[in-house]
Protein backbone atom coordinates (compact mmCIF):
# COMPACT_ATOMS: atom_id res chain seq x y z
CA MET A 1 84.84 121.32 105.79
CA LYS A 2 87.84 119.59 104.28
CA ARG A 3 91.43 120.23 105.32
CA LYS A 4 94.08 119.63 102.68
CA PHE A 5 97.64 118.38 102.91
CA ARG A 6 100.26 118.19 100.20
CA SER A 7 100.71 114.91 98.40
CA GLY A 8 103.12 113.55 95.81
CA ALA A 9 102.73 113.74 92.04
CA GLY A 10 100.24 116.58 92.19
CA ALA A 11 97.69 114.81 94.39
CA VAL A 12 96.21 116.45 97.46
CA LYS A 13 95.27 114.79 100.70
CA GLU A 14 91.93 115.86 102.09
CA LEU A 15 90.79 115.31 105.64
CA ASN A 16 87.06 115.66 106.15
CA SER A 17 87.10 117.01 109.68
CA ALA A 18 86.29 120.57 110.69
CA PRO A 19 89.32 122.89 110.78
CA VAL A 20 91.33 122.54 113.96
CA ALA A 21 93.80 125.08 115.25
CA VAL A 22 97.05 123.12 115.37
CA PRO A 23 99.38 124.43 118.09
CA THR A 24 103.01 124.95 117.28
CA LEU A 25 104.68 121.66 118.15
CA THR A 26 108.29 120.56 118.50
CA ASN A 27 109.85 117.12 118.39
CA ARG A 28 109.76 117.00 122.19
CA ASP A 29 105.97 117.21 122.10
CA PHE A 30 105.98 113.77 120.48
CA GLU A 31 108.22 112.16 123.10
CA SER A 32 106.39 110.05 125.69
CA ASP A 33 107.43 109.63 129.33
CA GLN A 34 108.26 105.93 128.85
CA ASP A 35 111.79 104.61 129.32
CA LYS A 36 113.14 103.28 126.04
CA ARG A 37 113.88 99.57 126.30
CA TRP A 38 116.10 98.98 123.32
CA CYS A 39 119.70 97.86 123.53
CA PRO A 40 122.17 100.78 123.70
CA GLY A 41 123.31 101.51 120.16
CA CYS A 42 120.25 100.01 118.45
CA GLY A 43 119.29 101.63 115.15
CA ASP A 44 115.70 101.97 116.40
CA TYR A 45 116.76 105.00 118.45
CA SER A 46 117.75 106.88 115.31
CA ILE A 47 114.52 106.03 113.48
CA LEU A 48 112.44 107.10 116.47
CA LYS A 49 114.30 110.39 116.77
CA GLN A 50 113.95 111.18 113.08
CA THR A 51 110.23 110.35 113.14
CA GLN A 52 109.66 112.69 116.07
CA LYS A 53 111.70 115.33 114.26
CA ILE A 54 109.52 115.42 111.12
CA LEU A 55 106.09 115.23 112.76
CA PRO A 56 105.87 118.92 113.71
CA ASP A 57 106.33 119.80 110.03
CA LEU A 58 103.31 117.72 108.98
CA GLY A 59 100.82 120.08 110.60
CA ILE A 60 98.71 117.36 112.20
CA PRO A 61 97.41 117.46 115.79
CA ARG A 62 98.77 114.66 117.95
CA GLU A 63 95.20 113.49 118.46
CA GLN A 64 94.97 112.54 114.77
CA LEU A 65 98.16 110.48 114.72
CA VAL A 66 98.13 106.74 115.39
CA PHE A 67 101.13 104.39 115.40
CA VAL A 68 100.28 100.69 115.15
CA SER A 69 102.85 97.94 115.65
CA GLY A 70 103.01 94.16 115.78
CA ILE A 71 105.59 92.16 117.73
CA GLY A 72 109.36 92.63 117.75
CA CYS A 73 111.95 95.13 118.91
CA SER A 74 110.66 97.78 116.52
CA SER A 75 107.13 97.23 117.78
CA ARG A 76 107.83 98.98 121.09
CA PHE A 77 107.73 102.16 119.01
CA PRO A 78 104.18 103.30 119.98
CA TYR A 79 105.15 103.39 123.68
CA TYR A 80 107.67 106.12 122.96
CA MET A 81 105.34 108.31 120.89
CA ASN A 82 103.13 110.89 122.61
CA THR A 83 100.28 110.09 120.22
CA TYR A 84 97.64 107.40 120.00
CA GLY A 85 99.00 103.93 119.42
CA PHE A 86 98.42 100.17 119.40
CA HIS A 87 100.98 97.53 120.33
CA SER A 88 99.09 94.70 118.64
CA ILE A 89 99.77 91.03 117.92
CA HIS A 90 102.35 89.35 115.74
CA GLY A 91 102.01 90.31 112.07
CA ARG A 92 98.54 91.81 112.48
CA ALA A 93 99.33 95.53 112.60
CA PRO A 94 98.07 96.01 109.00
CA THR A 95 94.63 94.64 109.92
CA ILE A 96 94.18 97.01 112.87
CA ALA A 97 95.55 99.93 110.87
CA SER A 98 93.15 99.13 108.00
CA GLY A 99 90.18 99.06 110.37
CA LEU A 100 91.19 102.39 111.89
CA LYS A 101 91.54 104.05 108.50
CA ALA A 102 88.30 102.57 107.17
CA THR A 103 86.24 103.77 110.14
CA ASN A 104 88.03 107.08 110.69
CA PRO A 105 89.67 108.28 107.46
CA ASP A 106 90.77 111.53 109.11
CA LEU A 107 93.44 109.74 111.13
CA SER A 108 97.05 109.71 109.97
CA VAL A 109 97.88 106.03 110.48
CA TRP A 110 101.43 104.65 110.61
CA VAL A 111 102.38 100.97 110.78
CA ILE A 112 105.68 100.14 112.50
CA THR A 113 106.93 96.66 111.70
CA GLY A 114 110.04 94.53 111.23
CA ASP A 115 111.24 91.98 108.72
CA GLY A 116 110.15 89.09 110.94
CA ASP A 117 106.83 90.63 111.93
CA SER A 118 105.64 91.59 108.46
CA LEU A 119 107.33 89.06 106.18
CA SER A 120 106.75 85.82 108.09
CA ILE A 121 103.60 85.44 110.18
CA GLY A 122 102.27 88.76 108.90
CA GLY A 123 103.11 88.31 105.24
CA ASN A 124 99.53 87.79 104.10
CA HIS A 125 98.25 90.88 105.92
CA PHE A 126 101.17 92.92 104.61
CA ILE A 127 100.61 92.21 100.91
CA HIS A 128 96.85 92.80 101.12
CA LEU A 129 97.34 96.17 102.81
CA LEU A 130 99.53 97.20 99.87
CA ARG A 131 97.07 95.75 97.35
CA ARG A 132 94.08 97.58 98.83
CA ASN A 133 95.94 100.90 98.93
CA PHE A 134 94.68 102.32 102.21
CA ASP A 135 96.18 105.77 102.88
CA ILE A 136 98.54 104.34 105.50
CA ASN A 137 102.30 104.73 105.99
CA VAL A 138 104.33 101.56 106.62
CA LEU A 139 107.85 101.75 108.07
CA LEU A 140 109.58 98.36 107.93
CA PHE A 141 112.72 98.10 110.10
CA ASN A 142 114.85 95.50 108.32
CA ASN A 143 117.75 94.22 110.45
CA GLN A 144 117.84 90.77 108.78
CA ILE A 145 117.55 88.98 112.14
CA TYR A 146 115.08 88.15 114.91
CA GLY A 147 116.37 90.42 117.66
CA LEU A 148 113.63 90.19 120.29
CA THR A 149 113.93 86.40 120.52
CA LYS A 150 117.71 86.64 120.68
CA GLY A 151 119.17 86.10 117.27
CA GLN A 152 117.42 83.62 114.99
CA TYR A 153 117.52 84.01 111.21
CA SER A 154 114.66 85.98 109.66
CA PRO A 155 112.93 86.01 106.24
CA THR A 156 115.49 88.58 105.03
CA SER A 157 118.64 86.88 106.37
CA GLU A 158 121.15 86.03 103.66
CA VAL A 159 121.84 82.46 102.54
CA GLY A 160 124.53 80.93 104.75
CA LYS A 161 123.67 83.13 107.74
CA ILE A 162 124.85 81.44 110.92
CA THR A 163 122.47 82.07 113.81
CA LYS A 164 121.19 80.23 116.86
CA SER A 165 118.51 78.58 114.72
CA THR A 166 120.82 77.96 111.73
CA PRO A 167 124.14 76.82 113.25
CA ALA A 168 125.28 75.38 109.92
CA GLY A 169 124.04 78.39 107.94
CA SER A 170 120.65 79.34 106.54
CA ILE A 171 119.56 77.51 103.40
CA ASP A 172 116.51 79.75 102.85
CA ASN A 173 116.48 82.20 99.98
CA PRO A 174 115.65 85.59 101.56
CA PHE A 175 112.72 87.80 100.71
CA ASN A 176 113.35 91.11 98.98
CA PRO A 177 110.92 93.54 100.70
CA ILE A 178 111.02 96.10 97.90
CA SER A 179 110.27 93.46 95.26
CA ILE A 180 107.40 92.08 97.34
CA ALA A 181 105.89 95.54 97.76
CA LEU A 182 106.10 96.22 94.04
CA ALA A 183 104.63 92.82 93.17
CA ALA A 184 101.73 93.47 95.57
CA GLY A 185 100.92 96.67 93.67
CA ALA A 186 102.12 99.20 96.25
CA THR A 187 101.70 102.76 95.01
CA PHE A 188 104.67 104.16 96.97
CA VAL A 189 107.84 102.17 97.57
CA ALA A 190 111.06 103.55 99.05
CA ARG A 191 114.21 102.55 100.94
CA SER A 192 116.43 104.42 103.37
CA LEU A 193 119.04 103.84 106.10
CA ASP A 194 118.73 104.29 109.84
CA ARG A 195 121.95 106.33 110.09
CA ASP A 196 121.22 108.66 107.20
CA THR A 197 119.70 111.58 109.10
CA LYS A 198 119.18 113.62 105.93
CA HIS A 199 117.76 110.99 103.62
CA LEU A 200 115.46 109.11 106.01
CA PRO A 201 113.39 112.15 107.10
CA THR A 202 112.96 113.07 103.44
CA MET A 203 111.59 109.60 102.68
CA MET A 204 109.24 109.75 105.68
CA LYS A 205 107.83 113.11 104.59
CA ALA A 206 107.38 111.86 101.02
CA ALA A 207 105.58 108.79 102.38
CA PHE A 208 103.20 110.98 104.37
CA GLU A 209 102.50 113.27 101.43
CA HIS A 210 101.63 110.33 99.19
CA LYS A 211 97.92 109.54 98.88
CA GLY A 212 97.79 105.77 99.28
CA THR A 213 99.76 103.05 101.05
CA SER A 214 103.35 104.21 101.46
CA PHE A 215 105.99 101.56 102.11
CA VAL A 216 109.46 102.52 103.35
CA GLU A 217 112.05 99.83 104.01
CA ILE A 218 114.68 101.03 106.50
CA TYR A 219 117.97 99.18 106.87
CA GLN A 220 118.36 99.10 110.67
CA ASN A 221 121.44 97.93 112.51
CA CYS A 222 120.98 95.34 115.28
CA ASN A 223 124.24 95.87 117.14
CA ILE A 224 123.74 92.81 119.35
CA PHE A 225 122.79 90.01 116.97
CA ASN A 226 123.68 91.34 113.48
CA ASP A 227 126.07 94.21 114.03
CA GLY A 228 127.53 95.83 110.95
CA ALA A 229 125.21 94.17 108.44
CA PHE A 230 124.76 97.49 106.62
CA PHE A 231 127.99 99.34 107.48
CA THR A 232 129.08 99.14 103.83
CA TYR A 233 126.12 101.40 103.02
CA THR A 234 126.15 103.67 106.08
CA GLU A 235 129.81 104.37 106.88
CA LYS A 236 131.49 107.40 105.37
CA ALA A 237 134.50 105.51 104.01
CA THR A 238 132.44 103.08 101.91
CA LYS A 239 128.98 104.57 101.39
CA ALA A 240 129.65 106.67 98.28
CA ASP A 241 131.01 103.72 96.30
CA ASN A 242 128.27 101.33 97.36
CA VAL A 243 125.05 103.37 97.37
CA VAL A 244 123.19 105.02 94.51
CA GLN A 245 120.45 107.53 95.30
CA LEU A 246 117.32 107.35 93.18
CA GLU A 247 116.12 110.79 92.13
CA HIS A 248 113.30 111.41 89.67
CA GLU A 249 114.47 112.23 86.13
CA GLU A 250 118.12 111.95 87.17
CA PRO A 251 120.66 109.43 85.80
CA LEU A 252 121.96 106.76 88.15
CA ILE A 253 125.39 108.10 89.11
CA PHE A 254 127.39 107.20 92.20
CA GLY A 255 130.93 106.93 93.53
CA ALA A 256 133.12 109.09 95.75
CA ASN A 257 134.07 111.09 92.64
CA LEU A 258 130.71 110.60 90.89
CA ASP A 259 132.58 108.62 88.26
CA LYS A 260 130.38 105.53 88.10
CA GLY A 261 127.00 104.94 86.55
CA ILE A 262 124.37 102.25 85.91
CA ILE A 263 123.34 101.16 82.44
CA LEU A 264 120.87 98.48 81.42
CA ASN A 265 122.63 95.71 79.53
CA GLY A 266 119.74 93.71 78.14
CA PHE A 267 117.76 92.89 81.27
CA GLN A 268 120.68 93.37 83.66
CA PRO A 269 121.78 96.61 85.37
CA GLU A 270 125.54 97.04 84.99
CA VAL A 271 128.13 99.39 86.50
CA ILE A 272 130.19 101.42 84.03
CA SER A 273 132.96 103.99 84.45
CA LEU A 274 132.46 107.67 83.64
CA ASN A 275 136.12 108.68 83.86
CA ASN A 276 137.86 110.59 81.10
CA ASP A 277 138.87 107.41 79.27
CA SER A 278 135.35 105.97 79.22
CA THR A 279 133.32 105.64 76.05
CA TYR A 280 130.13 106.11 78.10
CA THR A 281 128.43 109.38 78.99
CA THR A 282 125.55 110.25 81.30
CA GLU A 283 123.27 109.94 78.26
CA ASP A 284 123.85 106.18 78.33
CA LEU A 285 122.77 105.75 81.93
CA ILE A 286 119.43 104.63 83.33
CA THR A 287 117.34 107.71 84.08
CA HIS A 288 115.01 107.17 86.99
CA ASP A 289 111.26 107.72 86.64
CA GLN A 290 109.42 107.17 89.91
CA PHE A 291 106.05 108.31 88.56
CA THR A 292 105.69 105.91 85.62
CA ASP A 293 102.73 103.52 85.84
CA ASP A 294 104.87 100.72 84.39
CA PRO A 295 106.66 99.02 87.33
CA THR A 296 109.32 97.37 85.16
CA LEU A 297 112.12 99.83 85.96
CA ALA A 298 111.34 99.74 89.67
CA HIS A 299 111.53 95.93 89.60
CA PHE A 300 114.91 96.05 87.85
CA LEU A 301 116.22 98.42 90.51
CA SER A 302 114.79 96.38 93.38
CA ARG A 303 116.76 93.30 92.31
CA MET A 304 120.12 95.11 92.36
CA THR A 305 120.61 94.04 95.99
CA GLU A 306 121.07 90.46 94.78
CA ASN A 307 124.24 91.31 92.85
CA GLU A 308 127.23 92.19 95.01
CA GLU A 309 128.83 94.08 92.11
CA LEU A 310 125.97 96.60 92.07
CA PRO A 311 125.38 99.46 94.50
CA LEU A 312 122.41 99.58 96.87
CA PRO A 313 119.60 101.80 95.54
CA ILE A 314 118.00 104.08 98.12
CA GLY A 315 115.21 106.56 97.56
CA ILE A 316 111.78 106.32 95.97
CA PHE A 317 111.41 103.37 93.59
CA ARG A 318 107.81 104.08 92.66
CA SER A 319 105.14 106.70 93.40
CA ILE A 320 101.88 106.46 91.47
CA GLN A 321 98.26 107.39 92.07
CA ARG A 322 95.41 104.92 92.50
CA PRO A 323 92.08 105.22 94.35
CA CYS A 324 92.32 104.56 98.09
CA TYR A 325 90.30 101.78 99.66
CA GLU A 326 88.76 103.92 102.40
CA ASP A 327 87.57 106.51 99.88
CA ALA A 328 85.90 103.87 97.71
CA LEU A 329 84.36 102.27 100.81
CA THR A 330 82.94 105.57 102.06
CA GLN A 331 81.55 106.36 98.60
CA GLN A 332 79.96 102.93 98.35
CA ILE A 333 78.28 103.28 101.75
CA ASP A 334 77.01 106.78 100.92
CA THR A 335 75.59 105.54 97.62
CA GLN A 336 73.71 102.71 99.33
CA LYS A 337 72.35 105.07 101.98
CA LYS A 338 70.92 107.30 99.25
CA LYS A 339 69.33 104.30 97.52
CA LYS A 340 68.02 102.40 100.54
CA GLY A 341 68.09 104.83 103.44
CA LYS A 342 70.21 104.76 106.58
CA GLY A 343 69.11 101.28 107.52
CA ASP A 344 68.16 99.63 110.79
CA LEU A 345 70.24 96.91 112.45
CA GLU A 346 67.30 95.14 114.12
CA SER A 347 65.37 95.02 110.85
CA LEU A 348 68.43 93.64 109.08
CA LEU A 349 68.87 90.88 111.65
CA ASN A 350 65.23 89.87 111.29
CA ALA A 351 65.15 90.04 107.50
CA GLY A 352 64.96 87.01 105.24
CA ASP A 353 64.74 83.50 106.62
CA THR A 354 64.88 83.41 110.42
CA TRP A 355 64.26 80.66 112.94
CA VAL A 356 63.98 80.23 116.67
CA VAL A 357 66.16 77.75 118.57
CA ASN A 358 64.39 76.36 121.65
């Protein structure tokens, strides 16, 4: 019998297991007995707490939840979850998560990774997970630094960043995680902030409800090696004038007085005023469409971070439907079983040309 869960854009998640009575759970039921070994004040604490807060609302038994991580500060995450988990090797969390989902589609699989883990040594695995569209949720903690190894520049560090490994300033052009995810064909792409305790849980729930690979970039403060990197976007005094929330079918409006908007001037997003003296109205603004198959708008929005005059977009950039890899794989195997029977491993190994080595 199939159990169904809500999913975005009208899709429905179906789990093929027999119905299981899910006990009433609280966030404390997802807290392990392990001491948390992050630096005091690290943004990882907030992300962990908000993850544990939403899980009871998902209606999934703890036995069907798996958190898979690679290497880095964020990758200690599975230790602190009272669920199944893997603390795997550097950059390879997507491979283990893919294998889990392919062999046991009923599992709710979450990948916990960082900008160094997934965008350097793990970059190849990361893009192919998104391309294949396994029904897996990816949370990328982006602190723009290597924290675990004590403060080297990472693939998302800005040009000129002075670190222990770049004492004269980084000369590397940084990756844009949202742009990479879109270019890889990800079907769900979103961004949130570690300190936004209203927005981040909403993005996590939307990621879970989406049928397909869900990618959520989370700006996470490393208060030891890159403190304050995102304070412009998280602090009350500056956030409203520097962050625009993406909402489906809503114009891009921001500002402490909601008096600023984003228009598209040719191929460039541009900030305009909406005060009483302005010649612009909300009708002139970009209206967001997260469900369009055409990724052009999402790409435009993803590149806004490269212009200091533009606000930071947070929210869902794109959410579309495409067949999931594990579903196609299961269907393919079932079809071959019907055509050729269940098969026999020993017969397969002895089929065709064989030889004996003395």
